[in-house]
Amino acid sequence: MRFIWGCLFLSLMVGAASAAGLPVAGKVLAFKSKATDIAVKYPQTGNKAIDAVLSDYARKSVAAFKTYEPDLAAGDHPYALDTTYSVERNDAKMFAVLFTIYADTGGAHPNGDYATFNFLLPDGAQVFLPEIVDGDRGLKRVAALAAADLLRRIGTGSDALSDKDTIAMGTSPVADSFKDFVWQANRLHVYFPPYQVAAYAAGPQDSVIPLAGLKDVIRPDWRAPAPSFACAKAATPIEHAICADAALARLDRQVAEAWQVGMKNAYEPAALAKLRQEQRDWLARRNAACGGPSPGACLAKFYRDRLAILALPPA
């Protein structure tokens, strides 16, 4: 086996935006064996916070794909992962990257996916869509506008690539539906991998939403705590503690989002009831254990442990 750290500094200055934005150098993390052929390309900027997140993404992508090695049958061609990127925004306010993922694990066809990262400048703090738009109200607006755009472009007419029901499912008003996005200066660009809003044969899709349609649901301070509940309605000491700490608020929201994904994927009534009860039981244990005067460390551990169970690592 060969483990290759490709420090390929491509000295890729990003056009005119570089004067106000960040310098960008391309790197690649690669691994090749008899069973897998992996190449994950990613940018580095000199901003420590941004570079740590993006290099961590590359490492985790390689490690996750390597777990498929034991599944390769004798005589099959090696599994392949090829991840490329494009810098979608690079100005004085934000830096955003779109990763395009090609994965071949020997199925009927290769699979495609996206991953996006949006960072605030100058510090490089990562920001997520529910922290930009106002909770459920904001996600409902994004969902409605994206669905209308997709229905108009690919869901109507004799040559339609999708249909109303498929689009509605893929744009349901939850954070997971819009996890792959780039926040531009005047528009929100959402990316949908194959299957999400159309059949595989239709390929990946995207939706561009002018910010004018979102102006009344954009939060004034994207760094302010944005938990899964409305802080204006916080009633317990634990809820007030979460609303006073942006990191705890993010963990709270991520647990709620991971649970939503689990509920969405649990089709059997018994599985839904089990997930619902497990969440209630976990909340009861959290409240009992973290009810002291300084609950921060206790809450962080409870949330991280819950995310591990729900199989969604915290950002």
Protein backbone atom coordinates (compact mmCIF):
# COMPACT_ATOMS: atom_id res chain seq x y z
CA MET A 1 0.00 0.00 0.00
CA ARG A 2 1.09 3.55 -0.62
CA PHE A 3 -0.11 6.53 1.36
CA ILE A 4 0.61 9.70 -0.56
CA TRP A 5 0.38 13.18 0.87
CA GLY A 6 0.28 15.31 -2.23
CA CYS A 7 1.53 18.70 -1.30
CA LEU A 8 0.86 20.10 -4.71
CA PHE A 9 1.07 23.83 -4.29
CA LEU A 10 -0.50 24.94 -7.51
CA SER A 11 -0.11 28.60 -6.56
CA LEU A 12 -3.66 29.07 -7.66
CA MET A 13 -4.46 32.71 -7.17
CA VAL A 14 -8.18 33.10 -7.52
CA GLY A 15 -8.59 35.79 -10.14
CA ALA A 16 -9.59 39.30 -9.28
CA ALA A 17 -11.16 38.23 -5.99
CA SER A 18 -7.73 37.39 -4.54
CA ALA A 19 -6.99 41.05 -3.86
CA ALA A 20 -9.75 41.04 -1.25
CA GLY A 21 -9.91 37.32 -0.54
CA LEU A 22 -7.42 34.59 0.28
CA PRO A 23 -4.58 33.04 -1.75
CA VAL A 24 -5.42 29.45 -2.63
CA ALA A 25 -3.01 26.53 -3.04
CA GLY A 26 -4.20 23.13 -4.20
CA LYS A 27 -3.32 19.92 -2.38
CA VAL A 28 -4.24 16.29 -2.89
CA LEU A 29 -4.44 13.46 -0.40
CA ALA A 30 -4.14 10.13 -2.16
CA PHE A 31 -4.09 6.46 -1.26
CA LYS A 32 -3.68 3.49 -3.57
CA SER A 33 -3.77 -0.24 -2.96
CA LYS A 34 -4.95 -3.35 -4.75
CA ALA A 35 -8.47 -2.61 -3.54
CA THR A 36 -8.80 1.18 -3.70
CA ASP A 37 -7.61 4.15 -5.71
CA ILE A 38 -8.31 7.38 -3.84
CA ALA A 39 -7.57 11.01 -4.63
CA VAL A 40 -9.10 13.85 -2.64
CA LYS A 41 -8.11 17.30 -3.83
CA TYR A 42 -8.63 20.23 -1.49
CA PRO A 43 -7.55 23.86 -1.13
CA GLN A 44 -5.41 25.51 1.51
CA THR A 45 -5.48 29.24 2.11
CA GLY A 46 -3.07 30.16 4.90
CA ASN A 47 -6.03 30.78 7.21
CA LYS A 48 -5.50 28.26 10.02
CA ALA A 49 -9.16 27.76 10.85
CA ILE A 50 -10.20 27.18 7.24
CA ASP A 51 -7.22 24.98 6.43
CA ALA A 52 -7.83 22.78 9.49
CA VAL A 53 -11.44 22.10 8.48
CA LEU A 54 -10.63 21.35 4.84
CA SER A 55 -7.61 19.12 5.53
CA ASP A 56 -9.67 17.27 8.15
CA TYR A 57 -12.39 16.72 5.55
CA ALA A 58 -9.82 15.25 3.16
CA ARG A 59 -8.39 12.92 5.82
CA LYS A 60 -11.81 11.71 6.91
CA SER A 61 -12.89 11.15 3.29
CA VAL A 62 -9.89 8.92 2.65
CA ALA A 63 -10.31 7.02 5.91
CA ALA A 64 -14.02 6.45 5.31
CA PHE A 65 -13.51 5.18 1.76
CA LYS A 66 -10.76 2.80 2.85
CA THR A 67 -13.30 0.95 4.98
CA TYR A 68 -14.82 -0.38 1.75
CA GLU A 69 -11.66 -2.35 0.92
CA PRO A 70 -12.82 -5.65 2.50
CA ASP A 71 -15.94 -5.60 0.30
CA LEU A 72 -14.00 -5.87 -2.96
CA ALA A 73 -14.60 -9.25 -4.59
CA ALA A 74 -11.78 -11.17 -6.25
CA GLY A 75 -11.37 -10.11 -9.87
CA ASP A 76 -13.22 -6.81 -9.50
CA HIS A 77 -11.50 -3.57 -10.45
CA PRO A 78 -10.37 -1.42 -7.51
CA TYR A 79 -12.88 0.86 -5.90
CA ALA A 80 -12.26 4.49 -6.84
CA LEU A 81 -12.83 7.82 -5.12
CA ASP A 82 -12.02 11.05 -6.95
CA THR A 83 -12.93 14.28 -5.18
CA THR A 84 -12.31 17.62 -6.86
CA TYR A 85 -13.12 21.13 -5.71
CA SER A 86 -13.91 24.60 -6.91
CA VAL A 87 -13.63 27.81 -4.93
CA GLU A 88 -17.08 29.34 -5.31
CA ARG A 89 -16.58 32.46 -3.23
CA ASN A 90 -13.43 34.28 -2.17
CA ASP A 91 -13.84 37.89 -1.13
CA ALA A 92 -13.37 40.02 1.95
CA LYS A 93 -16.46 38.59 3.67
CA MET A 94 -16.57 34.86 2.89
CA PHE A 95 -14.66 31.91 1.50
CA ALA A 96 -16.68 28.99 0.12
CA VAL A 97 -15.69 25.66 -1.43
CA LEU A 98 -17.70 23.13 -3.42
CA PHE A 99 -16.40 19.54 -3.45
CA THR A 100 -17.62 17.27 -6.24
CA ILE A 101 -17.35 13.60 -5.36
CA TYR A 102 -17.11 10.65 -7.74
CA ALA A 103 -17.21 7.22 -6.11
CA ASP A 104 -17.17 3.82 -7.78
CA THR A 105 -17.72 0.87 -5.45
CA GLY A 106 -18.62 -1.70 -8.06
CA GLY A 107 -22.38 -1.13 -8.17
CA ALA A 108 -24.61 -0.69 -11.17
CA HIS A 109 -23.12 2.75 -11.72
CA PRO A 110 -20.75 5.18 -10.01
CA ASN A 111 -22.18 7.53 -7.41
CA GLY A 112 -21.89 11.29 -7.24
CA ASP A 113 -22.21 13.62 -4.30
CA TYR A 114 -21.34 17.10 -3.08
CA ALA A 115 -19.88 18.64 0.04
CA THR A 116 -19.73 22.36 0.68
CA PHE A 117 -18.01 24.59 3.22
CA ASN A 118 -18.77 28.24 3.92
CA PHE A 119 -16.46 30.34 6.10
CA LEU A 120 -16.74 33.84 7.48
CA LEU A 121 -13.75 36.13 7.17
CA PRO A 122 -11.40 37.28 8.51
CA ASP A 123 -11.35 34.60 11.24
CA GLY A 124 -12.45 31.65 9.09
CA ALA A 125 -15.37 30.55 11.26
CA GLN A 126 -17.46 27.91 9.50
CA VAL A 127 -21.14 28.77 9.13
CA PHE A 128 -24.13 26.55 8.32
CA LEU A 129 -27.38 27.44 6.60
CA PRO A 130 -29.59 27.26 9.74
CA GLU A 131 -27.25 29.83 11.30
CA ILE A 132 -27.76 32.17 8.33
CA VAL A 133 -31.51 31.87 7.90
CA ASP A 134 -33.96 32.08 10.77
CA GLY A 135 -34.60 28.52 11.98
CA ASP A 136 -37.59 26.62 10.70
CA ARG A 137 -39.07 29.80 9.24
CA GLY A 138 -35.98 30.36 7.12
CA LEU A 139 -35.71 26.75 6.00
CA LYS A 140 -39.36 26.73 4.97
CA ARG A 141 -38.74 29.79 2.80
CA VAL A 142 -35.64 28.24 1.20
CA ALA A 143 -37.56 24.99 0.61
CA ALA A 144 -40.49 26.77 -1.04
CA LEU A 145 -38.29 28.83 -3.34
CA ALA A 146 -36.05 25.91 -4.30
CA ALA A 147 -39.03 23.64 -4.98
CA ALA A 148 -40.70 26.28 -7.15
CA ASP A 149 -37.49 26.83 -9.11
CA LEU A 150 -36.92 23.11 -9.68
CA LEU A 151 -40.54 22.46 -10.60
CA ARG A 152 -40.40 25.22 -13.18
CA ARG A 153 -37.11 24.09 -14.73
CA ILE A 154 -37.11 20.27 -14.50
CA GLY A 155 -40.52 19.24 -13.21
CA THR A 156 -42.91 20.39 -15.92
CA GLY A 157 -43.37 19.92 -19.63
CA SER A 158 -43.12 16.95 -21.95
CA ASP A 159 -39.38 16.63 -21.40
CA ALA A 160 -39.49 16.98 -17.60
CA LEU A 161 -36.61 15.38 -15.72
CA SER A 162 -38.52 15.05 -12.46
CA ASP A 163 -41.99 15.45 -10.96
CA LYS A 164 -43.72 17.40 -8.20
CA ASP A 165 -43.64 14.64 -5.59
CA THR A 166 -39.94 13.82 -6.08
CA ILE A 167 -39.00 17.48 -5.91
CA ALA A 168 -41.14 17.99 -2.80
CA MET A 169 -39.42 15.09 -1.03
CA GLY A 170 -35.96 16.33 -1.96
CA THR A 171 -36.66 19.87 -0.81
CA SER A 172 -38.46 19.11 2.45
CA PRO A 173 -37.89 22.00 4.88
CA VAL A 174 -35.18 20.42 7.00
CA ALA A 175 -31.49 21.29 7.16
CA ASP A 176 -30.36 18.01 5.60
CA SER A 177 -32.13 18.89 2.35
CA PHE A 178 -29.93 21.97 1.93
CA LYS A 179 -26.65 20.91 3.51
CA ASP A 180 -24.80 21.45 0.21
CA PHE A 181 -24.96 25.18 -0.41
CA VAL A 182 -22.84 28.22 -1.17
CA TRP A 183 -23.87 31.61 0.15
CA GLN A 184 -22.98 34.18 -2.48
CA ALA A 185 -23.13 37.95 -2.18
CA ASN A 186 -26.50 38.12 -3.95
CA ARG A 187 -27.80 34.56 -4.12
CA LEU A 188 -28.03 31.22 -2.36
CA HIS A 189 -26.79 28.37 -4.54
CA VAL A 190 -28.02 24.92 -3.45
CA TYR A 191 -26.62 21.68 -4.88
CA PHE A 192 -28.56 18.42 -5.06
CA PRO A 193 -26.76 15.12 -5.76
CA PRO A 194 -28.29 12.47 -8.01
CA TYR A 195 -31.52 10.95 -6.65
CA GLN A 196 -32.38 13.82 -4.29
CA VAL A 197 -34.73 15.76 -6.55
CA ALA A 198 -34.68 13.67 -9.74
CA ALA A 199 -33.84 10.20 -10.99
CA TYR A 200 -30.19 9.19 -11.31
CA ALA A 201 -30.37 9.44 -15.09
CA ALA A 202 -31.23 13.13 -14.78
CA GLY A 203 -27.91 13.77 -13.04
CA PRO A 204 -27.18 16.22 -10.25
CA GLN A 205 -29.27 19.35 -9.99
CA ASP A 206 -28.96 22.78 -8.42
CA SER A 207 -31.10 25.75 -7.55
CA VAL A 208 -30.17 29.43 -7.43
CA ILE A 209 -32.26 31.56 -5.07
CA PRO A 210 -31.87 35.36 -5.19
CA LEU A 211 -31.29 36.76 -1.70
CA ALA A 212 -34.07 39.27 -2.33
CA GLY A 213 -36.50 36.40 -1.70
CA LEU A 214 -34.86 35.63 1.65
CA LYS A 215 -34.16 39.11 3.01
CA ASP A 216 -36.75 38.89 5.81
CA VAL A 217 -35.50 35.48 7.07
CA ILE A 218 -31.75 36.22 7.07
CA ARG A 219 -30.41 36.43 10.63
CA PRO A 220 -28.64 39.71 11.44
CA ASP A 221 -25.81 37.96 13.34
CA TRP A 222 -24.69 34.62 11.91
CA ARG A 223 -22.34 34.03 14.85
CA ALA A 224 -25.13 34.27 17.41
CA PRO A 225 -26.33 30.97 18.96
CA ALA A 226 -28.77 29.10 16.70
CA PRO A 227 -30.07 25.99 18.47
CA SER A 228 -32.91 23.75 17.36
CA PHE A 229 -35.45 25.79 19.31
CA ALA A 230 -36.34 29.49 19.51
CA CYS A 231 -34.20 31.16 22.14
CA ALA A 232 -36.96 33.72 22.69
CA LYS A 233 -38.97 30.85 24.16
CA ALA A 234 -36.17 29.38 26.30
CA ALA A 235 -37.72 28.37 29.64
CA THR A 236 -35.28 26.14 31.53
CA PRO A 237 -31.75 26.80 32.84
CA ILE A 238 -30.41 24.28 30.31
CA GLU A 239 -32.14 26.04 27.42
CA HIS A 240 -30.81 29.40 28.60
CA ALA A 241 -27.29 27.93 28.83
CA ILE A 242 -27.54 26.63 25.27
CA CYS A 243 -28.79 30.00 24.03
CA ALA A 244 -25.82 31.72 25.65
CA ASP A 245 -23.18 29.58 23.92
CA ALA A 246 -22.85 29.36 20.13
CA ALA A 247 -20.92 26.07 20.27
CA LEU A 248 -23.54 24.40 22.47
CA ALA A 249 -26.30 25.79 20.29
CA ARG A 250 -24.67 24.28 17.21
CA LEU A 251 -24.38 20.89 18.94
CA ASP A 252 -28.03 21.08 19.99
CA ARG A 253 -29.08 21.81 16.41
CA GLN A 254 -26.85 19.08 14.96
CA VAL A 255 -28.37 16.48 17.26
CA ALA A 256 -31.86 17.59 16.24
CA GLU A 257 -30.88 17.48 12.56
CA ALA A 258 -29.32 14.01 12.87
CA TRP A 259 -32.45 12.77 14.60
CA GLN A 260 -34.57 14.26 11.79
CA VAL A 261 -32.52 12.33 9.24
CA GLY A 262 -33.02 9.14 11.23
CA MET A 263 -36.76 9.71 11.40
CA LYS A 264 -36.87 10.43 7.67
CA ASN A 265 -35.08 7.16 6.89
CA ALA A 266 -37.06 4.99 9.32
CA TYR A 267 -40.03 3.83 7.30
CA GLU A 268 -41.50 1.22 9.65
CA PRO A 269 -43.84 2.50 12.39
CA ALA A 270 -41.96 0.47 15.00
CA ALA A 271 -38.63 2.03 13.98
CA LEU A 272 -40.13 5.52 14.10
CA ALA A 273 -41.58 4.90 17.55
CA LYS A 274 -38.25 3.53 18.76
CA LEU A 275 -36.29 6.57 17.54
CA ARG A 276 -38.85 8.94 19.03
CA GLN A 277 -38.70 7.23 22.42
CA GLU A 278 -34.91 7.04 22.40
CA GLN A 279 -34.73 10.80 21.84
CA ARG A 280 -37.17 11.45 24.68
CA ASP A 281 -35.17 9.18 26.99
CA TRP A 282 -31.92 10.89 26.01
CA LEU A 283 -33.40 14.34 26.69
CA ALA A 284 -34.57 13.17 30.11
CA ARG A 285 -31.08 11.87 30.95
CA ARG A 286 -29.51 15.10 29.67
CA ASN A 287 -31.80 17.22 31.82
CA ALA A 288 -31.19 15.10 34.91
CA ALA A 289 -27.42 15.03 34.52
CA CYS A 290 -26.79 18.60 33.39
CA GLY A 291 -29.08 20.55 35.68
CA GLY A 292 -26.29 22.09 37.75
CA PRO A 293 -25.21 25.74 37.84
CA SER A 294 -22.52 25.33 35.13
CA PRO A 295 -23.91 22.81 32.64
CA GLY A 296 -21.67 23.63 29.66
CA ALA A 297 -19.18 20.76 29.81
CA CYS A 298 -21.90 18.27 30.74
CA LEU A 299 -24.09 19.35 27.83
CA ALA A 300 -21.23 19.24 25.34
CA LYS A 301 -20.43 15.63 26.31
CA PHE A 302 -24.07 14.57 26.14
CA TYR A 303 -24.47 16.10 22.68
CA ARG A 304 -21.26 14.62 21.29
CA ASP A 305 -22.14 11.19 22.64
CA ARG A 306 -25.59 11.45 21.10
CA LEU A 307 -24.16 12.51 17.72
CA ALA A 308 -21.88 9.45 17.77
CA ILE A 309 -24.91 7.23 18.32
CA LEU A 310 -26.83 8.97 15.56
CA ALA A 311 -23.77 8.47 13.28
CA LEU A 312 -23.32 12.13 12.40
CA PRO A 313 -19.96 13.54 13.54
CA PRO A 314 -20.07 17.12 14.81
CA ALA A 315 -18.55 19.83 12.63
